[in-house]
């Protein structure tokens, strides 16, 4: 499922890179991996660290399924969620995010990061 939303990931990476340091500091980017079926914790943890380093974002292993359940994510699919500073889900989508939604996502992210 990692490649399902490559277009969105690339778009968001480029958007993030164009923001000022002040705006970047207001954003937490997190990749959550469903790790409930992990059989070798050492291997999984090493992979998560490797992926985090490669992508330059925090990678979190959901070992218990709590995030999957709490945010009603679709199992075995790409899930994209925007959560504001107060913990309210402002946007959620599963599967491939159509490119036509990118500008709406951008507007929401910029508004949340800049307090507009």
PDB file of N, CA and C in Angstrom:
ATOM      1  N   UNK A   1       0.808  -1.216   0.000  1.00  0.00           N
ATOM      2  CA  UNK A   1       0.000   0.000   0.000  1.00  0.00           C
ATOM      3  C   UNK A   1       0.846   1.273   0.000  1.00  0.00           C
ATOM      4  N   UNK A   2       2.141   1.113   0.194  1.00  0.00           N
ATOM      5  CA  UNK A   2       3.009   2.288   0.299  1.00  0.00           C
ATOM      6  C   UNK A   2       2.999   3.131  -0.967  1.00  0.00           C
ATOM      7  N   UNK A   3       2.855   2.520  -2.135  1.00  0.00           N
ATOM      8  CA  UNK A   3       2.909   3.264  -3.381  1.00  0.00           C
ATOM      9  C   UNK A   3       1.546   3.772  -3.841  1.00  0.00           C
ATOM     10  N   UNK A   4       0.480   3.418  -3.150  1.00  0.00           N
ATOM     11  CA  UNK A   4      -0.863   3.798  -3.568  1.00  0.00           C
ATOM     12  C   UNK A   4      -0.995   5.306  -3.701  1.00  0.00           C
ATOM     13  N   UNK A   5      -0.436   6.037  -2.765  1.00  0.00           N
ATOM     14  CA  UNK A   5      -0.585   7.489  -2.762  1.00  0.00           C
ATOM     15  C   UNK A   5       0.736   8.216  -2.977  1.00  0.00           C
ATOM     16  N   UNK A   6       1.583   7.680  -3.847  1.00  0.00           N
ATOM     17  CA  UNK A   6       2.863   8.331  -4.140  1.00  0.00           C
ATOM     18  C   UNK A   6       2.683   9.746  -4.675  1.00  0.00           C
ATOM     19  N   UNK A   7       1.673   9.970  -5.518  1.00  0.00           N
ATOM     20  CA  UNK A   7       1.437  11.311  -6.055  1.00  0.00           C
ATOM     21  C   UNK A   7       1.160  12.293  -4.924  1.00  0.00           C
ATOM     22  N   UNK A   8       0.323  11.877  -3.972  1.00  0.00           N
ATOM     23  CA  UNK A   8       0.013  12.741  -2.839  1.00  0.00           C
ATOM     24  C   UNK A   8       1.258  12.962  -1.979  1.00  0.00           C
ATOM     25  N   UNK A   9       2.001  11.908  -1.705  1.00  0.00           N
ATOM     26  CA  UNK A   9       3.217  12.037  -0.886  1.00  0.00           C
ATOM     27  C   UNK A   9       4.199  13.000  -1.537  1.00  0.00           C
ATOM     28  N   UNK A  10       4.405  12.853  -2.842  1.00  0.00           N
ATOM     29  CA  UNK A  10       5.321  13.749  -3.552  1.00  0.00           C
ATOM     30  C   UNK A  10       4.824  15.190  -3.524  1.00  0.00           C
ATOM     31  N   UNK A  11       3.527  15.374  -3.692  1.00  0.00           N
ATOM     32  CA  UNK A  11       2.929  16.708  -3.648  1.00  0.00           C
ATOM     33  C   UNK A  11       3.132  17.334  -2.268  1.00  0.00           C
ATOM     34  N   UNK A  12       2.858  16.552  -1.219  1.00  0.00           N
ATOM     35  CA  UNK A  12       2.989  17.067   0.140  1.00  0.00           C
ATOM     36  C   UNK A  12       4.444  17.353   0.497  1.00  0.00           C
ATOM     37  N   UNK A  13       5.364  16.502   0.039  1.00  0.00           N
ATOM     38  CA  UNK A  13       6.788  16.756   0.271  1.00  0.00           C
ATOM     39  C   UNK A  13       7.207  18.088  -0.364  1.00  0.00           C
ATOM     40  N   UNK A  14       6.783  18.312  -1.591  1.00  0.00           N
ATOM     41  CA  UNK A  14       7.123  19.555  -2.289  1.00  0.00           C
ATOM     42  C   UNK A  14       6.490  20.754  -1.592  1.00  0.00           C
ATOM     43  N   UNK A  15       5.242  20.610  -1.167  1.00  0.00           N
ATOM     44  CA  UNK A  15       4.552  21.690  -0.453  1.00  0.00           C
ATOM     45  C   UNK A  15       5.289  22.017   0.843  1.00  0.00           C
ATOM     46  N   UNK A  16       5.647  20.999   1.587  1.00  0.00           N
ATOM     47  CA  UNK A  16       6.364  21.185   2.852  1.00  0.00           C
ATOM     48  C   UNK A  16       7.700  21.905   2.617  1.00  0.00           C
ATOM     49  N   UNK A  17       8.417  21.482   1.597  1.00  0.00           N
ATOM     50  CA  UNK A  17       9.723  22.062   1.304  1.00  0.00           C
ATOM     51  C   UNK A  17       9.653  23.542   0.931  1.00  0.00           C
ATOM     52  N   UNK A  18       8.518  23.995   0.408  1.00  0.00           N
ATOM     53  CA  UNK A  18       8.386  25.395   0.003  1.00  0.00           C
ATOM     54  C   UNK A  18       7.930  26.302   1.145  1.00  0.00           C
ATOM     55  N   UNK A  19       7.603  25.717   2.287  1.00  0.00           N
ATOM     56  CA  UNK A  19       7.119  26.514   3.417  1.00  0.00           C
ATOM     57  C   UNK A  19       8.290  27.091   4.210  1.00  0.00           C
ATOM     58  N   UNK A  20       8.025  28.187   4.871  1.00  0.00           N
ATOM     59  CA  UNK A  20       9.054  28.791   5.729  1.00  0.00           C
ATOM     60  C   UNK A  20       9.328  27.868   6.915  1.00  0.00           C
ATOM     61  N   UNK A  21      10.450  28.065   7.557  1.00  0.00           N
ATOM     62  CA  UNK A  21      10.810  27.269   8.737  1.00  0.00           C
ATOM     63  C   UNK A  21       9.741  27.424   9.819  1.00  0.00           C
ATOM     64  N   UNK A  22       9.174  28.595   9.955  1.00  0.00           N
ATOM     65  CA  UNK A  22       8.126  28.849  10.951  1.00  0.00           C
ATOM     66  C   UNK A  22       6.916  27.968  10.687  1.00  0.00           C
ATOM     67  N   UNK A  23       6.501  27.890   9.432  1.00  0.00           N
ATOM     68  CA  UNK A  23       5.360  27.048   9.067  1.00  0.00           C
ATOM     69  C   UNK A  23       5.730  25.575   9.223  1.00  0.00           C
ATOM     70  N   UNK A  24       6.915  25.185   8.770  1.00  0.00           N
ATOM     71  CA  UNK A  24       7.349  23.793   8.906  1.00  0.00           C
ATOM     72  C   UNK A  24       7.337  23.350  10.363  1.00  0.00           C
ATOM     73  N   UNK A  25       7.698  24.260  11.258  1.00  0.00           N
ATOM     74  CA  UNK A  25       7.722  23.921  12.684  1.00  0.00           C
ATOM     75  C   UNK A  25       6.326  23.698  13.260  1.00  0.00           C
ATOM     76  N   UNK A  26       5.308  24.141  12.550  1.00  0.00           N
ATOM     77  CA  UNK A  26       3.925  23.962  12.998  1.00  0.00           C
ATOM     78  C   UNK A  26       3.323  22.642  12.509  1.00  0.00           C
ATOM     79  N   UNK A  27       4.065  21.919  11.701  1.00  0.00           N
ATOM     80  CA  UNK A  27       3.554  20.711  11.058  1.00  0.00           C
ATOM     81  C   UNK A  27       4.285  19.481  11.591  1.00  0.00           C
ATOM     82  N   UNK A  28       3.515  18.465  11.953  1.00  0.00           N
ATOM     83  CA  UNK A  28       4.087  17.173  12.305  1.00  0.00           C
ATOM     84  C   UNK A  28       3.665  16.193  11.232  1.00  0.00           C
ATOM     85  N   UNK A  29       4.655  15.611  10.572  1.00  0.00           N
ATOM     86  CA  UNK A  29       4.376  14.621   9.526  1.00  0.00           C
ATOM     87  C   UNK A  29       4.695  13.253  10.099  1.00  0.00           C
ATOM     88  N   UNK A  30       3.757  12.343   9.956  1.00  0.00           N
ATOM     89  CA  UNK A  30       3.889  11.033  10.575  1.00  0.00           C
ATOM     90  C   UNK A  30       3.376   9.961   9.629  1.00  0.00           C
ATOM     91  N   UNK A  31       4.154   8.938   9.444  1.00  0.00           N
ATOM     92  CA  UNK A  31       3.759   7.769   8.660  1.00  0.00           C
ATOM     93  C   UNK A  31       3.462   6.654   9.655  1.00  0.00           C
ATOM     94  N   UNK A  32       2.272   6.109   9.579  1.00  0.00           N
ATOM     95  CA  UNK A  32       1.889   5.030  10.487  1.00  0.00           C
ATOM     96  C   UNK A  32       1.848   3.730   9.697  1.00  0.00           C
ATOM     97  N   UNK A  33       2.522   2.716  10.227  1.00  0.00           N
ATOM     98  CA  UNK A  33       2.569   1.409   9.590  1.00  0.00           C
ATOM     99  C   UNK A  33       1.836   0.417  10.474  1.00  0.00           C
ATOM    100  N   UNK A  34       0.926  -0.340   9.877  1.00  0.00           N
ATOM    101  CA  UNK A  34       0.226  -1.384  10.609  1.00  0.00           C
ATOM    102  C   UNK A  34       1.224  -2.504  10.893  1.00  0.00           C
ATOM    103  N   UNK A  35       1.584  -2.649  12.172  1.00  0.00           N
ATOM    104  CA  UNK A  35       2.589  -3.645  12.551  1.00  0.00           C
ATOM    105  C   UNK A  35       1.992  -4.742  13.428  1.00  0.00           C
ATOM    106  N   UNK A  36       0.670  -4.877  13.408  1.00  0.00           N
ATOM    107  CA  UNK A  36       0.006  -5.855  14.276  1.00  0.00           C
ATOM    108  C   UNK A  36       0.408  -7.289  13.963  1.00  0.00           C
ATOM    109  N   UNK A  37       0.756  -7.563  12.731  1.00  0.00           N
ATOM    110  CA  UNK A  37       1.092  -8.934  12.356  1.00  0.00           C
ATOM    111  C   UNK A  37       2.597  -9.169  12.300  1.00  0.00           C
ATOM    112  N   UNK A  38       3.349  -8.259  12.889  1.00  0.00           N
ATOM    113  CA  UNK A  38       4.810  -8.401  12.885  1.00  0.00           C
ATOM    114  C   UNK A  38       5.210  -9.645  13.667  1.00  0.00           C
ATOM    115  N   UNK A  39       6.091 -10.430  13.077  1.00  0.00           N
ATOM    116  CA  UNK A  39       6.554 -11.644  13.752  1.00  0.00           C
ATOM    117  C   UNK A  39       7.955 -11.465  14.321  1.00  0.00           C
ATOM    118  N   UNK A  40       8.747 -10.619  13.709  1.00  0.00           N
ATOM    119  CA  UNK A  40      10.094 -10.359  14.200  1.00  0.00           C
ATOM    120  C   UNK A  40      10.201  -8.877  14.533  1.00  0.00           C
ATOM    121  N   UNK A  41      10.006  -8.546  15.822  1.00  0.00           N
ATOM    122  CA  UNK A  41       9.987  -7.143  16.223  1.00  0.00           C
ATOM    123  C   UNK A  41      11.284  -6.427  15.892  1.00  0.00           C
ATOM    124  N   UNK A  42      12.402  -7.102  16.044  1.00  0.00           N
ATOM    125  CA  UNK A  42      13.690  -6.479  15.749  1.00  0.00           C
ATOM    126  C   UNK A  42      13.765  -6.073  14.282  1.00  0.00           C
ATOM    127  N   UNK A  43      13.386  -6.974  13.381  1.00  0.00           N
ATOM    128  CA  UNK A  43      13.412  -6.676  11.951  1.00  0.00           C
ATOM    129  C   UNK A  43      12.455  -5.534  11.629  1.00  0.00           C
ATOM    130  N   UNK A  44      11.253  -5.569  12.176  1.00  0.00           N
ATOM    131  CA  UNK A  44      10.262  -4.525  11.922  1.00  0.00           C
ATOM    132  C   UNK A  44      10.762  -3.171  12.404  1.00  0.00           C
ATOM    133  N   UNK A  45      11.296  -3.134  13.620  1.00  0.00           N
ATOM    134  CA  UNK A  45      11.786  -1.862  14.163  1.00  0.00           C
ATOM    135  C   UNK A  45      12.924  -1.306  13.312  1.00  0.00           C
ATOM    136  N   UNK A  46      13.815  -2.182  12.875  1.00  0.00           N
ATOM    137  CA  UNK A  46      14.915  -1.742  12.014  1.00  0.00           C
ATOM    138  C   UNK A  46      14.380  -1.177  10.707  1.00  0.00           C
ATOM    139  N   UNK A  47      13.364  -1.824  10.123  1.00  0.00           N
ATOM    140  CA  UNK A  47      12.751  -1.351   8.872  1.00  0.00           C
ATOM    141  C   UNK A  47      12.088   0.011   9.071  1.00  0.00           C
ATOM    142  N   UNK A  48      11.408   0.183  10.218  1.00  0.00           N
ATOM    143  CA  UNK A  48      10.748   1.462  10.487  1.00  0.00           C
ATOM    144  C   UNK A  48      11.780   2.581  10.606  1.00  0.00           C
ATOM    145  N   UNK A  49      12.870   2.313  11.283  1.00  0.00           N
ATOM    146  CA  UNK A  49      13.932   3.310  11.428  1.00  0.00           C
ATOM    147  C   UNK A  49      14.551   3.629  10.065  1.00  0.00           C
ATOM    148  N   UNK A  50      14.802   2.598   9.272  1.00  0.00           N
ATOM    149  CA  UNK A  50      15.366   2.784   7.930  1.00  0.00           C
ATOM    150  C   UNK A  50      14.433   3.625   7.062  1.00  0.00           C
ATOM    151  N   UNK A  51      13.149   3.324   7.098  1.00  0.00           N
ATOM    152  CA  UNK A  51      12.162   4.069   6.313  1.00  0.00           C
ATOM    153  C   UNK A  51      12.062   5.510   6.788  1.00  0.00           C
ATOM    154  N   UNK A  52      12.075   5.709   8.095  1.00  0.00           N
ATOM    155  CA  UNK A  52      12.020   7.051   8.665  1.00  0.00           C
ATOM    156  C   UNK A  52      13.203   7.895   8.198  1.00  0.00           C
ATOM    157  N   UNK A  53      14.374   7.313   8.200  1.00  0.00           N
ATOM    158  CA  UNK A  53      15.579   8.012   7.758  1.00  0.00           C
ATOM    159  C   UNK A  53      15.497   8.336   6.274  1.00  0.00           C
ATOM    160  N   UNK A  54      15.054   7.383   5.484  1.00  0.00           N
ATOM    161  CA  UNK A  54      14.971   7.573   4.027  1.00  0.00           C
ATOM    162  C   UNK A  54      13.949   8.643   3.654  1.00  0.00           C
ATOM    163  N   UNK A  55      12.783   8.631   4.308  1.00  0.00           N
ATOM    164  CA  UNK A  55      11.719   9.573   3.979  1.00  0.00           C
ATOM    165  C   UNK A  55      11.825  10.907   4.727  1.00  0.00           C
ATOM    166  N   UNK A  56      12.684  10.937   5.751  1.00  0.00           N
ATOM    167  CA  UNK A  56      12.875  12.138   6.574  1.00  0.00           C
ATOM    168  C   UNK A  56      11.610  12.553   7.303  1.00  0.00           C
ATOM    169  N   UNK A  57      10.838  11.553   7.745  1.00  0.00           N
ATOM    170  CA  UNK A  57       9.673  11.806   8.597  1.00  0.00           C
ATOM    171  C   UNK A  57       9.618  10.716   9.663  1.00  0.00           C
ATOM    172  N   UNK A  58       8.847  10.966  10.695  1.00  0.00           N
ATOM    173  CA  UNK A  58       8.688   9.976  11.750  1.00  0.00           C
ATOM    174  C   UNK A  58       7.830   8.827  11.239  1.00  0.00           C
ATOM    175  N   UNK A  59       8.262   7.606  11.480  1.00  0.00           N
ATOM    176  CA  UNK A  59       7.483   6.427  11.129  1.00  0.00           C
ATOM    177  C   UNK A  59       7.098   5.741  12.436  1.00  0.00           C
ATOM    178  N   UNK A  60       5.802   5.520  12.603  1.00  0.00           N
ATOM    179  CA  UNK A  60       5.262   4.938  13.821  1.00  0.00           C
ATOM    180  C   UNK A  60       4.683   3.563  13.505  1.00  0.00           C
ATOM    181  N   UNK A  61       5.057   2.575  14.284  1.00  0.00           N
ATOM    182  CA  UNK A  61       4.498   1.234  14.123  1.00  0.00           C
ATOM    183  C   UNK A  61       3.290   1.074  15.020  1.00  0.00           C
ATOM    184  N   UNK A  62       2.146   0.835  14.438  1.00  0.00           N
ATOM    185  CA  UNK A  62       0.915   0.608  15.215  1.00  0.00           C
ATOM    186  C   UNK A  62       0.877  -0.872  15.589  1.00  0.00           C
ATOM    187  N   UNK A  63       1.493  -1.213  16.707  1.00  0.00           N
ATOM    188  CA  UNK A  63       1.668  -2.604  17.132  1.00  0.00           C
ATOM    189  C   UNK A  63       0.378  -3.214  17.658  1.00  0.00           C
ATOM    190  N   UNK A  64      -0.544  -2.387  18.166  1.00  0.00           N
ATOM    191  CA  UNK A  64      -1.760  -2.891  18.822  1.00  0.00           C
ATOM    192  C   UNK A  64      -3.035  -2.662  18.013  1.00  0.00           C
ATOM    193  N   UNK A  65      -2.953  -1.846  16.981  1.00  0.00           N
ATOM    194  CA  UNK A  65      -4.142  -1.527  16.192  1.00  0.00           C
ATOM    195  C   UNK A  65      -4.942  -0.369  16.761  1.00  0.00           C
ATOM    196  N   UNK A  66      -4.394   0.286  17.791  1.00  0.00           N
ATOM    197  CA  UNK A  66      -5.115   1.400  18.411  1.00  0.00           C
ATOM    198  C   UNK A  66      -5.365   2.553  17.447  1.00  0.00           C
ATOM    199  N   UNK A  67      -4.341   2.933  16.666  1.00  0.00           N
ATOM    200  CA  UNK A  67      -4.540   4.040  15.722  1.00  0.00           C
ATOM    201  C   UNK A  67      -5.517   3.642  14.621  1.00  0.00           C
ATOM    202  N   UNK A  68      -5.396   2.407  14.156  1.00  0.00           N
ATOM    203  CA  UNK A  68      -6.302   1.906  13.127  1.00  0.00           C
ATOM    204  C   UNK A  68      -7.754   2.056  13.596  1.00  0.00           C
ATOM    205  N   UNK A  69      -8.013   1.660  14.827  1.00  0.00           N
ATOM    206  CA  UNK A  69      -9.371   1.717  15.372  1.00  0.00           C
ATOM    207  C   UNK A  69      -9.793   3.151  15.707  1.00  0.00           C
ATOM    208  N   UNK A  70      -8.922   3.883  16.381  1.00  0.00           N
ATOM    209  CA  UNK A  70      -9.262   5.237  16.827  1.00  0.00           C
ATOM    210  C   UNK A  70      -9.617   6.149  15.666  1.00  0.00           C
ATOM    211  N   UNK A  71      -8.844   6.072  14.606  1.00  0.00           N
ATOM    212  CA  UNK A  71      -9.060   6.963  13.457  1.00  0.00           C
ATOM    213  C   UNK A  71      -9.826   6.283  12.322  1.00  0.00           C
ATOM    214  N   UNK A  72     -10.381   5.114  12.603  1.00  0.00           N
ATOM    215  CA  UNK A  72     -11.205   4.376  11.657  1.00  0.00           C
ATOM    216  C   UNK A  72     -10.525   4.239  10.290  1.00  0.00           C
ATOM    217  N   UNK A  73      -9.250   3.870  10.345  1.00  0.00           N
ATOM    218  CA  UNK A  73      -8.492   3.676   9.114  1.00  0.00           C
ATOM    219  C   UNK A  73      -8.872   2.353   8.470  1.00  0.00           C
ATOM    220  N   UNK A  74      -8.766   2.315   7.181  1.00  0.00           N
ATOM    221  CA  UNK A  74      -9.044   1.097   6.439  1.00  0.00           C
ATOM    222  C   UNK A  74      -7.798   0.216   6.459  1.00  0.00           C
ATOM    223  N   UNK A  75      -7.956  -1.015   6.939  1.00  0.00           N
ATOM    224  CA  UNK A  75      -6.837  -1.945   7.021  1.00  0.00           C
ATOM    225  C   UNK A  75      -6.367  -2.322   5.620  1.00  0.00           C
ATOM    226  N   UNK A  76      -5.088  -2.537   5.459  1.00  0.00           N
ATOM    227  CA  UNK A  76      -4.478  -2.928   4.190  1.00  0.00           C
ATOM    228  C   UNK A  76      -4.717  -1.925   3.070  1.00  0.00           C
ATOM    229  N   UNK A  77      -4.741  -0.642   3.429  1.00  0.00           N
ATOM    230  CA  UNK A  77      -4.930   0.406   2.429  1.00  0.00           C
ATOM    231  C   UNK A  77      -4.132   1.632   2.855  1.00  0.00           C
ATOM    232  N   UNK A  78      -3.967   2.555   1.943  1.00  0.00           N
ATOM    233  CA  UNK A  78      -3.328   3.822   2.249  1.00  0.00           C
ATOM    234  C   UNK A  78      -4.373   4.727   2.887  1.00  0.00           C
ATOM    235  N   UNK A  79      -4.050   5.310   4.028  1.00  0.00           N
ATOM    236  CA  UNK A  79      -4.955   6.210   4.738  1.00  0.00           C
ATOM    237  C   UNK A  79      -4.251   7.547   4.942  1.00  0.00           C
ATOM    238  N   UNK A  80      -4.948   8.626   4.677  1.00  0.00           N
ATOM    239  CA  UNK A  80      -4.390   9.969   4.829  1.00  0.00           C
ATOM    240  C   UNK A  80      -5.316  10.758   5.739  1.00  0.00           C
ATOM    241  N   UNK A  81      -4.745  11.312   6.815  1.00  0.00           N
ATOM    242  CA  UNK A  81      -5.551  12.035   7.798  1.00  0.00           C
ATOM    243  C   UNK A  81      -4.856  13.341   8.153  1.00  0.00           C
ATOM    244  N   UNK A  82      -5.630  14.419   8.234  1.00  0.00           N
ATOM    245  CA  UNK A  82      -5.136  15.690   8.741  1.00  0.00           C
ATOM    246  C   UNK A  82      -5.819  15.920  10.080  1.00  0.00           C
ATOM    247  N   UNK A  83      -5.002  16.073  11.112  1.00  0.00           N
ATOM    248  CA  UNK A  83      -5.509  16.293  12.468  1.00  0.00           C
ATOM    249  C   UNK A  83      -5.008  17.658  12.924  1.00  0.00           C
ATOM    250  N   UNK A  84      -5.903  18.506  13.427  1.00  0.00           N
ATOM    251  CA  UNK A  84      -5.472  19.836  13.857  1.00  0.00           C
ATOM    252  C   UNK A  84      -4.822  19.776  15.237  1.00  0.00           C
ATOM    253  N   UNK A  85      -4.360  20.903  15.727  1.00  0.00           N
ATOM    254  CA  UNK A  85      -3.619  20.970  16.989  1.00  0.00           C
ATOM    255  C   UNK A  85      -4.447  20.546  18.195  1.00  0.00           C
ATOM    256  N   UNK A  86      -5.767  20.601  18.059  1.00  0.00           N
ATOM    257  CA  UNK A  86      -6.628  20.215  19.175  1.00  0.00           C
ATOM    258  C   UNK A  86      -7.040  18.743  19.106  1.00  0.00           C
ATOM    259  N   UNK A  87      -6.564  18.044  18.070  1.00  0.00           N
ATOM    260  CA  UNK A  87      -6.862  16.624  17.939  1.00  0.00           C
ATOM    261  C   UNK A  87      -8.089  16.306  17.107  1.00  0.00           C
ATOM    262  N   UNK A  88      -8.669  17.315  16.476  1.00  0.00           N
ATOM    263  CA  UNK A  88      -9.854  17.110  15.639  1.00  0.00           C
ATOM    264  C   UNK A  88      -9.417  16.697  14.232  1.00  0.00           C
ATOM    265  N   UNK A  89     -10.024  15.629  13.736  1.00  0.00           N
ATOM    266  CA  UNK A  89      -9.752  15.177  12.367  1.00  0.00           C
ATOM    267  C   UNK A  89     -10.420  16.161  11.414  1.00  0.00           C
ATOM    268  N   UNK A  90      -9.623  16.799  10.591  1.00  0.00           N
ATOM    269  CA  UNK A  90     -10.124  17.800   9.654  1.00  0.00           C
ATOM    270  C   UNK A  90     -10.290  17.250   8.241  1.00  0.00           C
ATOM    271  N   UNK A  91      -9.592  16.145   7.955  1.00  0.00           N
ATOM    272  CA  UNK A  91      -9.685  15.531   6.633  1.00  0.00           C
ATOM    273  C   UNK A  91      -9.254  14.080   6.776  1.00  0.00           C
ATOM    274  N   UNK A  92      -9.950  13.188   6.088  1.00  0.00           N
ATOM    275  CA  UNK A  92      -9.568  11.773   6.097  1.00  0.00           C
ATOM    276  C   UNK A  92      -9.957  11.144   4.769  1.00  0.00           C
ATOM    277  N   UNK A  93      -9.081  10.283   4.277  1.00  0.00           N
ATOM    278  CA  UNK A  93      -9.353   9.566   3.035  1.00  0.00           C
ATOM    279  C   UNK A  93      -8.596   8.245   3.058  1.00  0.00           C
ATOM    280  N   UNK A  94      -9.157   7.258   2.422  1.00  0.00           N
ATOM    281  CA  UNK A  94      -8.512   5.955   2.277  1.00  0.00           C
ATOM    282  C   UNK A  94      -8.378   5.651   0.794  1.00  0.00           C
ATOM    283  N   UNK A  95      -7.360   4.862   0.461  1.00  0.00           N
ATOM    284  CA  UNK A  95      -7.116   4.546  -0.935  1.00  0.00           C
ATOM    285  C   UNK A  95      -6.361   5.671  -1.604  1.00  0.00           C
ATOM    286  N   UNK A  96      -6.346   5.642  -2.901  1.00  0.00           N
ATOM    287  CA  UNK A  96      -5.646   6.684  -3.656  1.00  0.00           C
ATOM    288  C   UNK A  96      -6.419   7.987  -3.581  1.00  0.00           C
ATOM    289  N   UNK A  97      -5.701   9.069  -3.233  1.00  0.00           N
ATOM    290  CA  UNK A  97      -6.312  10.392  -3.186  1.00  0.00           C
ATOM    291  C   UNK A  97      -6.208  11.008  -4.569  1.00  0.00           C
ATOM    292  N   UNK A  98      -7.343  11.333  -5.152  1.00  0.00           N
ATOM    293  CA  UNK A  98      -7.364  11.897  -6.496  1.00  0.00           C
ATOM    294  C   UNK A  98      -6.656  13.246  -6.519  1.00  0.00           C
ATOM    295  N   UNK A  99      -5.898  13.482  -7.570  1.00  0.00           N
ATOM    296  CA  UNK A  99      -5.142  14.731  -7.712  1.00  0.00           C
ATOM    297  C   UNK A  99      -6.036  15.964  -7.626  1.00  0.00           C
ATOM    298  N   UNK A 100      -7.289  15.838  -7.977  1.00  0.00           N
ATOM    299  CA  UNK A 100      -8.202  16.983  -7.919  1.00  0.00           C
ATOM    300  C   UNK A 100      -8.433  17.459  -6.485  1.00  0.00           C
ATOM    301  N   UNK A 101      -8.086  16.649  -5.500  1.00  0.00           N
ATOM    302  CA  UNK A 101      -8.267  17.035  -4.092  1.00  0.00           C
ATOM    303  C   UNK A 101      -7.027  17.694  -3.497  1.00  0.00           C
ATOM    304  N   UNK A 102      -5.936  17.724  -4.238  1.00  0.00           N
ATOM    305  CA  UNK A 102      -4.674  18.235  -3.704  1.00  0.00           C
ATOM    306  C   UNK A 102      -4.765  19.701  -3.283  1.00  0.00           C
ATOM    307  N   UNK A 103      -5.402  20.529  -4.081  1.00  0.00           N
ATOM    308  CA  UNK A 103      -5.499  21.957  -3.741  1.00  0.00           C
ATOM    309  C   UNK A 103      -6.322  22.178  -2.478  1.00  0.00           C
ATOM    310  N   UNK A 104      -7.379  21.395  -2.296  1.00  0.00           N
ATOM    311  CA  UNK A 104      -8.190  21.494  -1.069  1.00  0.00           C
ATOM    312  C   UNK A 104      -7.341  21.118   0.138  1.00  0.00           C
ATOM    313  N   UNK A 105      -6.565  20.061  -0.002  1.00  0.00           N
ATOM    314  CA  UNK A 105      -5.671  19.618   1.071  1.00  0.00           C
ATOM    315  C   UNK A 105      -4.634  20.699   1.362  1.00  0.00           C
ATOM    316  N   UNK A 106      -4.056  21.262   0.318  1.00  0.00           N
ATOM    317  CA  UNK A 106      -3.055  22.324   0.488  1.00  0.00           C
ATOM    318  C   UNK A 106      -3.647  23.503   1.241  1.00  0.00           C
ATOM    319  N   UNK A 107      -4.810  23.945   0.823  1.00  0.00           N
ATOM    320  CA  UNK A 107      -5.454  25.088   1.468  1.00  0.00           C
ATOM    321  C   UNK A 107      -5.690  24.811   2.949  1.00  0.00           C
ATOM    322  N   UNK A 108      -6.205  23.638   3.261  1.00  0.00           N
ATOM    323  CA  UNK A 108      -6.461  23.266   4.653  1.00  0.00           C
ATOM    324  C   UNK A 108      -5.160  23.244   5.461  1.00  0.00           C
ATOM    325  N   UNK A 109      -4.123  22.626   4.917  1.00  0.00           N
ATOM    326  CA  UNK A 109      -2.850  22.541   5.637  1.00  0.00           C
ATOM    327  C   UNK A 109      -2.248  23.928   5.900  1.00  0.00           C
ATOM    328  N   UNK A 110      -2.268  24.773   4.889  1.00  0.00           N
ATOM    329  CA  UNK A 110      -1.719  26.125   5.053  1.00  0.00           C
ATOM    330  C   UNK A 110      -2.538  26.905   6.081  1.00  0.00           C
ATOM    331  N   UNK A 111      -3.856  26.790   6.016  1.00  0.00           N
ATOM    332  CA  UNK A 111      -4.711  27.472   7.005  1.00  0.00           C
ATOM    333  C   UNK A 111      -4.409  26.988   8.413  1.00  0.00           C
ATOM    334  N   UNK A 112      -4.276  25.688   8.594  1.00  0.00           N
ATOM    335  CA  UNK A 112      -3.995  25.154   9.928  1.00  0.00           C
ATOM    336  C   UNK A 112      -2.611  25.565  10.435  1.00  0.00           C
ATOM    337  N   UNK A 113      -1.637  25.558   9.537  1.00  0.00           N
ATOM    338  CA  UNK A 113      -0.254  25.877   9.939  1.00  0.00           C
ATOM    339  C   UNK A 113      -0.068  27.360  10.235  1.00  0.00           C
ATOM    340  N   UNK A 114      -0.808  28.194   9.528  1.00  0.00           N
ATOM    341  CA  UNK A 114      -0.625  29.651   9.694  1.00  0.00           C
ATOM    342  C   UNK A 114      -1.689  30.276  10.588  1.00  0.00           C
ATOM    343  N   UNK A 115      -2.677  29.488  11.002  1.00  0.00           N
ATOM    344  CA  UNK A 115      -3.725  30.009  11.882  1.00  0.00           C
ATOM    345  C   UNK A 115      -4.715  30.929  11.193  1.00  0.00           C
ATOM    346  N   UNK A 116      -4.799  30.815   9.861  1.00  0.00           N
ATOM    347  CA  UNK A 116      -5.750  31.668   9.127  1.00  0.00           C
ATOM    348  C   UNK A 116      -7.141  31.113   9.170  1.00  0.00           C
TER     349      UNK A 116
END
